[in-house]
Amino acid sequence: IGDASAVASQWTLHALQVRTKRGATR
């Protein structure tokens, strides 16, 4: 996670949520 492009301003991330599910069993 990060800046999509160079910026001169700051930003604050409070949370990154990634929803997953179990895939195939090998």
mmCIF file of all heavy atoms, coordinates in Angstrom:
data_MODEL
# 
_entry.id   MODEL 
# 
loop_
_atom_site.group_PDB 
_atom_site.id 
_atom_site.type_symbol 
_atom_site.label_atom_id 
_atom_site.label_alt_id 
_atom_site.label_comp_id 
_atom_site.label_asym_id 
_atom_site.label_entity_id 
_atom_site.label_seq_id 
_atom_site.pdbx_PDB_ins_code 
_atom_site.Cartn_x 
_atom_site.Cartn_y 
_atom_site.Cartn_z 
_atom_site.occupancy 
_atom_site.B_iso_or_equiv 
_atom_site.pdbx_formal_charge 
_atom_site.auth_seq_id 
_atom_site.auth_comp_id 
_atom_site.auth_asym_id 
_atom_site.auth_atom_id 
_atom_site.pdbx_PDB_model_num 
ATOM 1   N N   . ILE A 1 1  ? 0.854   -1.181  0.000  1.00 0.00 ? 1  ILE A N   1 
ATOM 2   C CA  . ILE A 1 1  ? 0.000   0.000   0.000  1.00 0.00 ? 1  ILE A CA  1 
ATOM 3   C C   . ILE A 1 1  ? 0.886   1.225   0.000  1.00 0.00 ? 1  ILE A C   1 
ATOM 4   O O   . ILE A 1 1  ? 1.955   1.223   0.614  1.00 0.00 ? 1  ILE A O   1 
ATOM 5   C CB  . ILE A 1 1  ? -0.982  0.005   1.190  1.00 0.00 ? 1  ILE A CB  1 
ATOM 6   C CG1 . ILE A 1 1  ? -1.948  1.189   1.064  1.00 0.00 ? 1  ILE A CG1 1 
ATOM 7   C CG2 . ILE A 1 1  ? -0.256  -0.014  2.514  1.00 0.00 ? 1  ILE A CG2 1 
ATOM 8   C CD1 . ILE A 1 1  ? -3.180  1.065   1.930  1.00 0.00 ? 1  ILE A CD1 1 
ATOM 9   N N   . GLY A 1 2  ? 0.461   2.246   -0.730 1.00 0.00 ? 2  GLY A N   1 
ATOM 10  C CA  . GLY A 1 2  ? 1.242   3.470   -0.784 1.00 0.00 ? 2  GLY A CA  1 
ATOM 11  C C   . GLY A 1 2  ? 0.619   4.494   -1.689 1.00 0.00 ? 2  GLY A C   1 
ATOM 12  O O   . GLY A 1 2  ? -0.547  4.394   -2.078 1.00 0.00 ? 2  GLY A O   1 
ATOM 13  N N   . ASP A 1 3  ? 1.412   5.483   -2.051 1.00 0.00 ? 3  ASP A N   1 
ATOM 14  C CA  . ASP A 1 3  ? 0.963   6.546   -2.946 1.00 0.00 ? 3  ASP A CA  1 
ATOM 15  C C   . ASP A 1 3  ? 0.808   5.981   -4.359 1.00 0.00 ? 3  ASP A C   1 
ATOM 16  O O   . ASP A 1 3  ? 1.672   5.245   -4.828 1.00 0.00 ? 3  ASP A O   1 
ATOM 17  C CB  . ASP A 1 3  ? 2.001   7.674   -3.002 1.00 0.00 ? 3  ASP A CB  1 
ATOM 18  C CG  . ASP A 1 3  ? 2.304   8.259   -1.635 1.00 0.00 ? 3  ASP A CG  1 
ATOM 19  O OD1 . ASP A 1 3  ? 1.360   8.717   -0.983 1.00 0.00 ? 3  ASP A OD1 1 
ATOM 20  O OD2 . ASP A 1 3  ? 3.485   8.251   -1.237 1.00 0.00 ? 3  ASP A OD2 1 
ATOM 21  N N   . ALA A 1 4  ? -0.270  6.350   -5.029 1.00 0.00 ? 4  ALA A N   1 
ATOM 22  C CA  . ALA A 1 4  ? -0.449  5.927   -6.417 1.00 0.00 ? 4  ALA A CA  1 
ATOM 23  C C   . ALA A 1 4  ? 0.492   6.699   -7.339 1.00 0.00 ? 4  ALA A C   1 
ATOM 24  O O   . ALA A 1 4  ? 0.884   6.207   -8.387 1.00 0.00 ? 4  ALA A O   1 
ATOM 25  C CB  . ALA A 1 4  ? -1.895  6.118   -6.847 1.00 0.00 ? 4  ALA A CB  1 
ATOM 26  N N   . SER A 1 5  ? 0.862   7.910   -6.928 1.00 0.00 ? 5  SER A N   1 
ATOM 27  C CA  . SER A 1 5  ? 1.823   8.730   -7.669 1.00 0.00 ? 5  SER A CA  1 
ATOM 28  C C   . SER A 1 5  ? 2.509   9.660   -6.672 1.00 0.00 ? 5  SER A C   1 
ATOM 29  O O   . SER A 1 5  ? 2.079   9.769   -5.527 1.00 0.00 ? 5  SER A O   1 
ATOM 30  C CB  . SER A 1 5  ? 1.120   9.538   -8.761 1.00 0.00 ? 5  SER A CB  1 
ATOM 31  O OG  . SER A 1 5  ? 0.181   10.418  -8.179 1.00 0.00 ? 5  SER A OG  1 
ATOM 32  N N   . ALA A 1 6  ? 3.564   10.312  -7.108 1.00 0.00 ? 6  ALA A N   1 
ATOM 33  C CA  . ALA A 1 6  ? 4.286   11.226  -6.222 1.00 0.00 ? 6  ALA A CA  1 
ATOM 34  C C   . ALA A 1 6  ? 3.379   12.391  -5.814 1.00 0.00 ? 6  ALA A C   1 
ATOM 35  O O   . ALA A 1 6  ? 2.720   12.993  -6.647 1.00 0.00 ? 6  ALA A O   1 
ATOM 36  C CB  . ALA A 1 6  ? 5.537   11.744  -6.918 1.00 0.00 ? 6  ALA A CB  1 
ATOM 37  N N   . VAL A 1 7  ? 3.335   12.655  -4.517 1.00 0.00 ? 7  VAL A N   1 
ATOM 38  C CA  . VAL A 1 7  ? 2.532   13.759  -3.986 1.00 0.00 ? 7  VAL A CA  1 
ATOM 39  C C   . VAL A 1 7  ? 3.373   14.565  -3.006 1.00 0.00 ? 7  VAL A C   1 
ATOM 40  O O   . VAL A 1 7  ? 4.320   14.051  -2.410 1.00 0.00 ? 7  VAL A O   1 
ATOM 41  C CB  . VAL A 1 7  ? 1.247   13.262  -3.281 1.00 0.00 ? 7  VAL A CB  1 
ATOM 42  C CG1 . VAL A 1 7  ? 0.292   12.632  -4.264 1.00 0.00 ? 7  VAL A CG1 1 
ATOM 43  C CG2 . VAL A 1 7  ? 1.560   12.297  -2.155 1.00 0.00 ? 7  VAL A CG2 1 
ATOM 44  N N   . ALA A 1 8  ? 3.014   15.819  -2.826 1.00 0.00 ? 8  ALA A N   1 
ATOM 45  C CA  . ALA A 1 8  ? 3.731   16.693  -1.896 1.00 0.00 ? 8  ALA A CA  1 
ATOM 46  C C   . ALA A 1 8  ? 2.971   16.851  -0.588 1.00 0.00 ? 8  ALA A C   1 
ATOM 47  O O   . ALA A 1 8  ? 3.386   17.624  0.274  1.00 0.00 ? 8  ALA A O   1 
ATOM 48  C CB  . ALA A 1 8  ? 3.968   18.060  -2.536 1.00 0.00 ? 8  ALA A CB  1 
ATOM 49  N N   . SER A 1 9  ? 1.872   16.141  -0.433 1.00 0.00 ? 9  SER A N   1 
ATOM 50  C CA  . SER A 1 9  ? 1.085   16.241  0.797  1.00 0.00 ? 9  SER A CA  1 
ATOM 51  C C   . SER A 1 9  ? 1.114   14.918  1.546  1.00 0.00 ? 9  SER A C   1 
ATOM 52  O O   . SER A 1 9  ? 1.377   13.868  0.973  1.00 0.00 ? 9  SER A O   1 
ATOM 53  C CB  . SER A 1 9  ? -0.351  16.636  0.470  1.00 0.00 ? 9  SER A CB  1 
ATOM 54  O OG  . SER A 1 9  ? -0.934  15.695  -0.394 1.00 0.00 ? 9  SER A OG  1 
ATOM 55  N N   . GLN A 1 10 ? 0.823   14.993  2.820  1.00 0.00 ? 10 GLN A N   1 
ATOM 56  C CA  . GLN A 1 10 ? 0.799   13.763  3.623  1.00 0.00 ? 10 GLN A CA  1 
ATOM 57  C C   . GLN A 1 10 ? -0.634  13.255  3.733  1.00 0.00 ? 10 GLN A C   1 
ATOM 58  O O   . GLN A 1 10 ? -1.583  14.003  3.537  1.00 0.00 ? 10 GLN A O   1 
ATOM 59  C CB  . GLN A 1 10 ? 1.372   14.022  5.008  1.00 0.00 ? 10 GLN A CB  1 
ATOM 60  C CG  . GLN A 1 10 ? 0.573   14.981  5.860  1.00 0.00 ? 10 GLN A CG  1 
ATOM 61  C CD  . GLN A 1 10 ? 1.240   15.246  7.194  1.00 0.00 ? 10 GLN A CD  1 
ATOM 62  O OE1 . GLN A 1 10 ? 2.441   15.090  7.339  1.00 0.00 ? 10 GLN A OE1 1 
ATOM 63  N NE2 . GLN A 1 10 ? 0.463   15.658  8.160  1.00 0.00 ? 10 GLN A NE2 1 
ATOM 64  N N   . TRP A 1 11 ? -0.758  11.984  4.038  1.00 0.00 ? 11 TRP A N   1 
ATOM 65  C CA  . TRP A 1 11 ? -2.061  11.394  4.278  1.00 0.00 ? 11 TRP A CA  1 
ATOM 66  C C   . TRP A 1 11 ? -1.912  10.339  5.362  1.00 0.00 ? 11 TRP A C   1 
ATOM 67  O O   . TRP A 1 11 ? -0.825  9.840   5.618  1.00 0.00 ? 11 TRP A O   1 
ATOM 68  C CB  . TRP A 1 11 ? -2.675  10.830  2.999  1.00 0.00 ? 11 TRP A CB  1 
ATOM 69  C CG  . TRP A 1 11 ? -1.829  9.851   2.233  1.00 0.00 ? 11 TRP A CG  1 
ATOM 70  C CD1 . TRP A 1 11 ? -0.856  10.148  1.326  1.00 0.00 ? 11 TRP A CD1 1 
ATOM 71  C CD2 . TRP A 1 11 ? -1.868  8.424   2.313  1.00 0.00 ? 11 TRP A CD2 1 
ATOM 72  N NE1 . TRP A 1 11 ? -0.298  8.996   0.828  1.00 0.00 ? 11 TRP A NE1 1 
ATOM 73  C CE2 . TRP A 1 11 ? -0.903  7.918   1.420  1.00 0.00 ? 11 TRP A CE2 1 
ATOM 74  C CE3 . TRP A 1 11 ? -2.624  7.518   3.049  1.00 0.00 ? 11 TRP A CE3 1 
ATOM 75  C CZ2 . TRP A 1 11 ? -0.685  6.563   1.237  1.00 0.00 ? 11 TRP A CZ2 1 
ATOM 76  C CZ3 . TRP A 1 11 ? -2.410  6.164   2.867  1.00 0.00 ? 11 TRP A CZ3 1 
ATOM 77  C CH2 . TRP A 1 11 ? -1.455  5.702   1.968  1.00 0.00 ? 11 TRP A CH2 1 
ATOM 78  N N   . THR A 1 12 ? -3.025  10.019  5.997  1.00 0.00 ? 12 THR A N   1 
ATOM 79  C CA  . THR A 1 12 ? -3.011  9.084   7.121  1.00 0.00 ? 12 THR A CA  1 
ATOM 80  C C   . THR A 1 12 ? -3.940  7.916   6.845  1.00 0.00 ? 12 THR A C   1 
ATOM 81  O O   . THR A 1 12 ? -5.125  8.114   6.574  1.00 0.00 ? 12 THR A O   1 
ATOM 82  C CB  . THR A 1 12 ? -3.457  9.788   8.421  1.00 0.00 ? 12 THR A CB  1 
ATOM 83  O OG1 . THR A 1 12 ? -2.586  10.890  8.665  1.00 0.00 ? 12 THR A OG1 1 
ATOM 84  C CG2 . THR A 1 12 ? -3.421  8.836   9.607  1.00 0.00 ? 12 THR A CG2 1 
ATOM 85  N N   . LEU A 1 13 ? -3.387  6.728   6.911  1.00 0.00 ? 13 LEU A N   1 
ATOM 86  C CA  . LEU A 1 13 ? -4.158  5.497   6.768  1.00 0.00 ? 13 LEU A CA  1 
ATOM 87  C C   . LEU A 1 13 ? -4.531  4.999   8.155  1.00 0.00 ? 13 LEU A C   1 
ATOM 88  O O   . LEU A 1 13 ? -3.675  4.854   9.020  1.00 0.00 ? 13 LEU A O   1 
ATOM 89  C CB  . LEU A 1 13 ? -3.323  4.431   6.044  1.00 0.00 ? 13 LEU A CB  1 
ATOM 90  C CG  . LEU A 1 13 ? -3.970  3.068   5.890  1.00 0.00 ? 13 LEU A CG  1 
ATOM 91  C CD1 . LEU A 1 13 ? -5.102  3.132   4.871  1.00 0.00 ? 13 LEU A CD1 1 
ATOM 92  C CD2 . LEU A 1 13 ? -2.938  2.037   5.474  1.00 0.00 ? 13 LEU A CD2 1 
ATOM 93  N N   . HIS A 1 14 ? -5.809  4.732   8.371  1.00 0.00 ? 14 HIS A N   1 
ATOM 94  C CA  . HIS A 1 14 ? -6.263  4.186   9.650  1.00 0.00 ? 14 HIS A CA  1 
ATOM 95  C C   . HIS A 1 14 ? -6.433  2.674   9.575  1.00 0.00 ? 14 HIS A C   1 
ATOM 96  O O   . HIS A 1 14 ? -6.178  1.974   10.550 1.00 0.00 ? 14 HIS A O   1 
ATOM 97  C CB  . HIS A 1 14 ? -7.575  4.844   10.082 1.00 0.00 ? 14 HIS A CB  1 
ATOM 98  C CG  . HIS A 1 14 ? -7.423  6.289   10.373 1.00 0.00 ? 14 HIS A CG  1 
ATOM 99  N ND1 . HIS A 1 14 ? -6.814  6.760   11.512 1.00 0.00 ? 14 HIS A ND1 1 
ATOM 100 C CD2 . HIS A 1 14 ? -7.752  7.380   9.647  1.00 0.00 ? 14 HIS A CD2 1 
ATOM 101 C CE1 . HIS A 1 14 ? -6.799  8.079   11.487 1.00 0.00 ? 14 HIS A CE1 1 
ATOM 102 N NE2 . HIS A 1 14 ? -7.355  8.482   10.363 1.00 0.00 ? 14 HIS A NE2 1 
ATOM 103 N N   . ALA A 1 15 ? -6.849  2.184   8.419  1.00 0.00 ? 15 ALA A N   1 
ATOM 104 C CA  . ALA A 1 15 ? -7.037  0.737   8.282  1.00 0.00 ? 15 ALA A CA  1 
ATOM 105 C C   . ALA A 1 15 ? -7.012  0.340   6.813  1.00 0.00 ? 15 ALA A C   1 
ATOM 106 O O   . ALA A 1 15 ? -7.451  1.086   5.946  1.00 0.00 ? 15 ALA A O   1 
ATOM 107 C CB  . ALA A 1 15 ? -8.366  0.303   8.897  1.00 0.00 ? 15 ALA A CB  1 
ATOM 108 N N   . LEU A 1 16 ? -6.489  -0.842  6.588  1.00 0.00 ? 16 LEU A N   1 
ATOM 109 C CA  . LEU A 1 16 ? -6.551  -1.506  5.291  1.00 0.00 ? 16 LEU A CA  1 
ATOM 110 C C   . LEU A 1 16 ? -7.278  -2.813  5.546  1.00 0.00 ? 16 LEU A C   1 
ATOM 111 O O   . LEU A 1 16 ? -6.843  -3.621  6.367  1.00 0.00 ? 16 LEU A O   1 
ATOM 112 C CB  . LEU A 1 16 ? -5.147  -1.780  4.743  1.00 0.00 ? 16 LEU A CB  1 
ATOM 113 C CG  . LEU A 1 16 ? -5.048  -2.735  3.558  1.00 0.00 ? 16 LEU A CG  1 
ATOM 114 C CD1 . LEU A 1 16 ? -5.745  -2.138  2.336  1.00 0.00 ? 16 LEU A CD1 1 
ATOM 115 C CD2 . LEU A 1 16 ? -3.602  -3.061  3.259  1.00 0.00 ? 16 LEU A CD2 1 
ATOM 116 N N   . GLN A 1 17 ? -8.394  -3.005  4.876  1.00 0.00 ? 17 GLN A N   1 
ATOM 117 C CA  . GLN A 1 17 ? -9.160  -4.230  5.054  1.00 0.00 ? 17 GLN A CA  1 
ATOM 118 C C   . GLN A 1 17 ? -9.049  -5.045  3.783  1.00 0.00 ? 17 GLN A C   1 
ATOM 119 O O   . GLN A 1 17 ? -9.309  -4.544  2.682  1.00 0.00 ? 17 GLN A O   1 
ATOM 120 C CB  . GLN A 1 17 ? -10.625 -3.916  5.341  1.00 0.00 ? 17 GLN A CB  1 
ATOM 121 C CG  . GLN A 1 17 ? -11.483 -5.140  5.518  1.00 0.00 ? 17 GLN A CG  1 
ATOM 122 C CD  . GLN A 1 17 ? -12.930 -4.780  5.783  1.00 0.00 ? 17 GLN A CD  1 
ATOM 123 O OE1 . GLN A 1 17 ? -13.353 -3.646  5.605  1.00 0.00 ? 17 GLN A OE1 1 
ATOM 124 N NE2 . GLN A 1 17 ? -13.708 -5.764  6.185  1.00 0.00 ? 17 GLN A NE2 1 
ATOM 125 N N   . VAL A 1 18 ? -8.633  -6.299  3.926  1.00 0.00 ? 18 VAL A N   1 
ATOM 126 C CA  . VAL A 1 18 ? -8.522  -7.201  2.787  1.00 0.00 ? 18 VAL A CA  1 
ATOM 127 C C   . VAL A 1 18 ? -9.365  -8.434  3.104  1.00 0.00 ? 18 VAL A C   1 
ATOM 128 O O   . VAL A 1 18 ? -9.080  -9.156  4.053  1.00 0.00 ? 18 VAL A O   1 
ATOM 129 C CB  . VAL A 1 18 ? -7.052  -7.606  2.522  1.00 0.00 ? 18 VAL A CB  1 
ATOM 130 C CG1 . VAL A 1 18 ? -6.959  -8.557  1.347  1.00 0.00 ? 18 VAL A CG1 1 
ATOM 131 C CG2 . VAL A 1 18 ? -6.200  -6.363  2.284  1.00 0.00 ? 18 VAL A CG2 1 
ATOM 132 N N   . ARG A 1 19 ? -10.410 -8.626  2.326  1.00 0.00 ? 19 ARG A N   1 
ATOM 133 C CA  . ARG A 1 19 ? -11.292 -9.771  2.543  1.00 0.00 ? 19 ARG A CA  1 
ATOM 134 C C   . ARG A 1 19 ? -10.807 -10.913 1.669  1.00 0.00 ? 19 ARG A C   1 
ATOM 135 O O   . ARG A 1 19 ? -10.618 -10.756 0.461  1.00 0.00 ? 19 ARG A O   1 
ATOM 136 C CB  . ARG A 1 19 ? -12.736 -9.412  2.218  1.00 0.00 ? 19 ARG A CB  1 
ATOM 137 C CG  . ARG A 1 19 ? -13.724 -10.482 2.684  1.00 0.00 ? 19 ARG A CG  1 
ATOM 138 C CD  . ARG A 1 19 ? -15.128 -9.945  2.727  1.00 0.00 ? 19 ARG A CD  1 
ATOM 139 N NE  . ARG A 1 19 ? -15.605 -9.548  1.429  1.00 0.00 ? 19 ARG A NE  1 
ATOM 140 C CZ  . ARG A 1 19 ? -16.436 -10.281 0.682  1.00 0.00 ? 19 ARG A CZ  1 
ATOM 141 N NH1 . ARG A 1 19 ? -16.875 -11.445 1.101  1.00 0.00 ? 19 ARG A NH1 1 
ATOM 142 N NH2 . ARG A 1 19 ? -16.834 -9.826  -0.491 1.00 0.00 ? 19 ARG A NH2 1 
ATOM 143 N N   . THR A 1 20 ? -10.611 -12.062 2.288  1.00 0.00 ? 20 THR A N   1 
ATOM 144 C CA  . THR A 1 20 ? -10.108 -13.241 1.586  1.00 0.00 ? 20 THR A CA  1 
ATOM 145 C C   . THR A 1 20 ? -11.100 -14.392 1.712  1.00 0.00 ? 20 THR A C   1 
ATOM 146 O O   . THR A 1 20 ? -11.987 -14.387 2.560  1.00 0.00 ? 20 THR A O   1 
ATOM 147 C CB  . THR A 1 20 ? -8.747  -13.701 2.143  1.00 0.00 ? 20 THR A CB  1 
ATOM 148 O OG1 . THR A 1 20 ? -8.909  -14.090 3.509  1.00 0.00 ? 20 THR A OG1 1 
ATOM 149 C CG2 . THR A 1 20 ? -7.708  -12.610 2.026  1.00 0.00 ? 20 THR A CG2 1 
ATOM 150 N N   . LYS A 1 21 ? -10.900 -15.370 0.863  1.00 0.00 ? 21 LYS A N   1 
ATOM 151 C CA  . LYS A 1 21 ? -11.624 -16.634 1.018  1.00 0.00 ? 21 LYS A CA  1 
ATOM 152 C C   . LYS A 1 21 ? -10.656 -17.748 0.655  1.00 0.00 ? 21 LYS A C   1 
ATOM 153 O O   . LYS A 1 21 ? -9.698  -17.544 -0.094 1.00 0.00 ? 21 LYS A O   1 
ATOM 154 C CB  . LYS A 1 21 ? -12.895 -16.688 0.188  1.00 0.00 ? 21 LYS A CB  1 
ATOM 155 C CG  . LYS A 1 21 ? -12.687 -16.834 -1.296 1.00 0.00 ? 21 LYS A CG  1 
ATOM 156 C CD  . LYS A 1 21 ? -14.030 -16.960 -2.011 1.00 0.00 ? 21 LYS A CD  1 
ATOM 157 C CE  . LYS A 1 21 ? -13.856 -17.248 -3.480 1.00 0.00 ? 21 LYS A CE  1 
ATOM 158 N NZ  . LYS A 1 21 ? -15.131 -17.440 -4.165 1.00 0.00 ? 21 LYS A NZ  1 
ATOM 159 N N   . ARG A 1 22 ? -10.912 -18.879 1.204  1.00 0.00 ? 22 ARG A N   1 
ATOM 160 C CA  . ARG A 1 22 ? -10.067 -20.038 0.938  1.00 0.00 ? 22 ARG A CA  1 
ATOM 161 C C   . ARG A 1 22 ? -10.331 -20.535 -0.473 1.00 0.00 ? 22 ARG A C   1 
ATOM 162 O O   . ARG A 1 22 ? -11.473 -20.651 -0.899 1.00 0.00 ? 22 ARG A O   1 
ATOM 163 C CB  . ARG A 1 22 ? -10.363 -21.133 1.960  1.00 0.00 ? 22 ARG A CB  1 
ATOM 164 C CG  . ARG A 1 22 ? -9.382  -22.266 1.874  1.00 0.00 ? 22 ARG A CG  1 
ATOM 165 C CD  . ARG A 1 22 ? -9.621  -23.236 3.032  1.00 0.00 ? 22 ARG A CD  1 
ATOM 166 N NE  . ARG A 1 22 ? -8.766  -24.361 2.884  1.00 0.00 ? 22 ARG A NE  1 
ATOM 167 C CZ  . ARG A 1 22 ? -7.612  -24.517 3.515  1.00 0.00 ? 22 ARG A CZ  1 
ATOM 168 N NH1 . ARG A 1 22 ? -7.195  -23.578 4.330  1.00 0.00 ? 22 ARG A NH1 1 
ATOM 169 N NH2 . ARG A 1 22 ? -6.874  -25.572 3.335  1.00 0.00 ? 22 ARG A NH2 1 
ATOM 170 N N   . GLY A 1 23 ? -9.250  -20.800 -1.190 1.00 0.00 ? 23 GLY A N   1 
ATOM 171 C CA  . GLY A 1 23 ? -9.365  -21.312 -2.545 1.00 0.00 ? 23 GLY A CA  1 
ATOM 172 C C   . GLY A 1 23 ? -9.319  -22.827 -2.568 1.00 0.00 ? 23 GLY A C   1 
ATOM 173 O O   . GLY A 1 23 ? -9.682  -23.494 -1.591 1.00 0.00 ? 23 GLY A O   1 
ATOM 174 N N   . ALA A 1 24 ? -8.835  -23.368 -3.640 1.00 0.00 ? 24 ALA A N   1 
ATOM 175 C CA  . ALA A 1 24 ? -8.777  -24.810 -3.828 1.00 0.00 ? 24 ALA A CA  1 
ATOM 176 C C   . ALA A 1 24 ? -7.777  -25.462 -2.875 1.00 0.00 ? 24 ALA A C   1 
ATOM 177 O O   . ALA A 1 24 ? -6.775  -24.877 -2.507 1.00 0.00 ? 24 ALA A O   1 
ATOM 178 C CB  . ALA A 1 24 ? -8.399  -25.117 -5.268 1.00 0.00 ? 24 ALA A CB  1 
ATOM 179 N N   . THR A 1 25 ? -8.070  -26.701 -2.489 1.00 0.00 ? 25 THR A N   1 
ATOM 180 C CA  . THR A 1 25 ? -7.144  -27.493 -1.688 1.00 0.00 ? 25 THR A CA  1 
ATOM 181 C C   . THR A 1 25 ? -6.245  -28.272 -2.636 1.00 0.00 ? 25 THR A C   1 
ATOM 182 O O   . THR A 1 25 ? -6.716  -28.836 -3.618 1.00 0.00 ? 25 THR A O   1 
ATOM 183 C CB  . THR A 1 25 ? -7.917  -28.476 -0.780 1.00 0.00 ? 25 THR A CB  1 
ATOM 184 O OG1 . THR A 1 25 ? -8.801  -27.715 0.037  1.00 0.00 ? 25 THR A OG1 1 
ATOM 185 C CG2 . THR A 1 25 ? -6.990  -29.272 0.084  1.00 0.00 ? 25 THR A CG2 1 
ATOM 186 N N   . ARG A 1 26 ? -4.967  -28.252 -2.329 1.00 0.00 ? 26 ARG A N   1 
ATOM 187 C CA  . ARG A 1 26 ? -4.013  -28.952 -3.212 1.00 0.00 ? 26 ARG A CA  1 
ATOM 188 C C   . ARG A 1 26 ? -3.531  -30.206 -2.574 1.00 0.00 ? 26 ARG A C   1 
ATOM 189 O O   . ARG A 1 26 ? -3.393  -30.390 -1.454 1.00 0.00 ? 26 ARG A O   1 
ATOM 190 C CB  . ARG A 1 26 ? -2.818  -28.058 -3.512 1.00 0.00 ? 26 ARG A CB  1 
ATOM 191 C CG  . ARG A 1 26 ? -3.238  -26.867 -4.331 1.00 0.00 ? 26 ARG A CG  1 
ATOM 192 C CD  . ARG A 1 26 ? -2.059  -26.038 -4.706 1.00 0.00 ? 26 ARG A CD  1 
ATOM 193 N NE  . ARG A 1 26 ? -2.537  -24.926 -5.515 1.00 0.00 ? 26 ARG A NE  1 
ATOM 194 C CZ  . ARG A 1 26 ? -1.762  -24.052 -6.083 1.00 0.00 ? 26 ARG A CZ  1 
ATOM 195 N NH1 . ARG A 1 26 ? -0.474  -24.126 -5.954 1.00 0.00 ? 26 ARG A NH1 1 
ATOM 196 N NH2 . ARG A 1 26 ? -2.251  -23.080 -6.793 1.00 0.00 ? 26 ARG A NH2 1 
# 
